Protein backbone atom coordinates (compact mmCIF):
# COMPACT_ATOMS: atom_id res chain seq x y z
CA UNK A 1 -0.31 0.14 -0.18
CA UNK A 2 1.02 3.54 -0.90
CA UNK A 3 1.38 6.30 1.46
CA UNK A 4 -0.80 8.32 -0.29
CA UNK A 5 -3.52 5.43 -0.12
CA UNK A 6 -2.76 4.44 3.45
CA UNK A 7 -5.23 7.25 5.26
CA UNK A 8 -8.14 5.76 2.67
CA UNK A 9 -7.42 1.91 3.92
CA UNK A 10 -7.02 3.21 7.39
CA UNK A 11 -10.17 5.13 7.75
CA UNK A 12 -13.43 4.00 9.39
CA UNK A 13 -16.86 5.56 8.09
CA UNK A 14 -19.71 6.95 10.02
CA UNK A 15 -22.31 7.12 7.78
CA UNK A 16 -25.82 9.10 8.03
CA UNK A 17 -29.01 7.32 7.55
CA UNK A 18 -29.96 9.68 4.81
CA UNK A 19 -26.72 10.03 3.11
CA UNK A 20 -27.31 7.15 0.33
CA UNK A 21 -30.66 8.86 -0.10
CA UNK A 22 -29.05 12.44 -0.61
CA UNK A 23 -26.58 10.86 -2.91
CA UNK A 24 -29.06 9.04 -5.56
CA UNK A 25 -30.92 12.46 -5.20
CA UNK A 26 -28.16 14.47 -6.28
CA UNK A 27 -26.95 11.74 -8.89
CA UNK A 28 -30.54 11.41 -10.40
CA UNK A 29 -30.75 15.14 -11.28
CA UNK A 30 -27.92 15.07 -13.47
CA UNK A 31 -28.48 14.97 -17.13
CA UNK A 32 -25.17 13.38 -17.95
CA UNK A 33 -25.54 10.14 -15.93
CA UNK A 34 -27.19 6.99 -17.39
CA UNK A 35 -27.19 5.04 -14.28
CA UNK A 36 -25.49 4.84 -10.93
CA UNK A 37 -25.33 2.03 -7.95
CA UNK A 38 -24.45 3.29 -4.55
CA UNK A 39 -23.80 0.75 -1.39
CA UNK A 40 -22.41 1.33 2.15
CA UNK A 41 -20.11 -0.57 4.94
CA UNK A 42 -18.83 0.67 7.95
CA UNK A 43 -15.67 -0.39 7.08
CA UNK A 44 -15.45 0.00 3.47
CA UNK A 45 -17.08 3.16 3.28
CA UNK A 46 -19.96 4.10 0.61
CA UNK A 47 -19.15 3.19 -2.81
CA UNK A 48 -20.95 4.37 -6.04
CA UNK A 49 -20.86 3.49 -9.25
CA UNK A 50 -21.32 5.84 -12.15
CA UNK A 51 -22.32 5.25 -15.80
CA UNK A 52 -22.40 8.30 -17.93
CA UNK A 53 -24.45 8.37 -20.85
CA UNK A 54 -21.27 9.77 -23.16
CA UNK A 55 -18.02 9.77 -20.69
CA UNK A 56 -15.29 12.31 -20.73
CA UNK A 57 -13.12 13.01 -18.10
CA UNK A 58 -13.96 16.65 -17.75
CA UNK A 59 -17.88 15.71 -16.99
CA UNK A 60 -16.55 13.16 -14.79
CA UNK A 61 -14.48 15.39 -12.90
CA UNK A 62 -17.60 18.19 -13.04
CA UNK A 63 -19.77 15.36 -11.57
CA UNK A 64 -17.32 14.36 -8.49
CA UNK A 65 -16.55 18.01 -7.72
CA UNK A 66 -20.27 18.96 -7.22
CA UNK A 67 -21.00 15.72 -5.13
CA UNK A 68 -18.07 16.10 -3.24
CA UNK A 69 -18.99 19.61 -2.35
CA UNK A 70 -22.74 18.82 -1.77
CA UNK A 71 -21.57 15.86 0.81
CA UNK A 72 -18.65 17.60 2.34
CA UNK A 73 -18.19 18.19 5.73
CA UNK A 74 -16.90 21.41 7.52
CA UNK A 75 -13.33 20.22 9.11
CA UNK A 76 -11.75 18.22 6.65
CA UNK A 77 -11.73 17.20 2.86
CA UNK A 78 -9.13 14.85 0.61
CA UNK A 79 -9.20 12.96 -2.41
CA UNK A 80 -7.44 11.45 -5.04
CA UNK A 81 -8.14 10.36 -8.29
CA UNK A 82 -6.57 7.71 -10.73
CA UNK A 83 -7.66 8.18 -14.68
CA UNK A 84 -7.45 4.63 -16.65
CA UNK A 85 -8.82 4.72 -20.69
CA UNK A 86 -11.65 3.35 -19.11
CA UNK A 87 -12.89 6.01 -16.53
CA UNK A 88 -11.57 7.62 -13.47
CA UNK A 89 -11.77 6.38 -9.90
CA UNK A 90 -11.95 8.79 -7.04
CA UNK A 91 -11.44 8.32 -2.93
CA UNK A 92 -12.95 11.25 -0.95
CA UNK A 93 -12.64 11.77 2.81
CA UNK A 94 -14.68 14.10 4.46
CA UNK A 95 -15.05 15.10 8.31
CA UNK A 96 -15.79 17.66 10.79
CA UNK A 97 -13.76 18.39 13.53
CA UNK A 98 -14.12 16.31 16.91
CA UNK A 99 -16.71 13.68 14.58
CA UNK A 100 -16.37 10.71 12.59
CA UNK A 101 -16.10 11.48 8.77
CA UNK A 102 -16.73 9.51 5.65
CA UNK A 103 -15.15 7.59 3.00
CA UNK A 104 -16.39 7.58 -1.03
CA UNK A 105 -15.29 5.31 -3.41
CA UNK A 106 -16.73 6.69 -6.71
CA UNK A 107 -15.75 5.57 -10.19
CA UNK A 108 -17.13 6.86 -13.44
CA UNK A 109 -17.10 5.36 -16.67
CA UNK A 110 -19.11 4.72 -19.51
CA UNK A 111 -20.38 1.37 -18.58
CA UNK A 112 -21.21 0.33 -15.05
CA UNK A 113 -18.36 -0.38 -12.84
CA UNK A 114 -18.06 -3.17 -10.68
């Protein structure tokens, strides 16, 4: 495991009751989104797979940045991205001072992510 990813691997999420609903409402309102899937666990955090109607790295980045702004907490926000020929994978951490935070893995491509 690289030092860059260690914080993401060791982080444990605290997921609110409406968090997946909020993410679904956000993605459901996006015109560029063909489909999406969300799942959550306390150890792995939130996994989101997004299929775009027409993939572009610019559209994927725009959706991720707006989603991260929508979901962010006030104290810290950290993300990393990895581009591949099929799409892009984002890892995102957010939290409030003195509170547990939330970890997300977001995969955006032109077909549904596994």
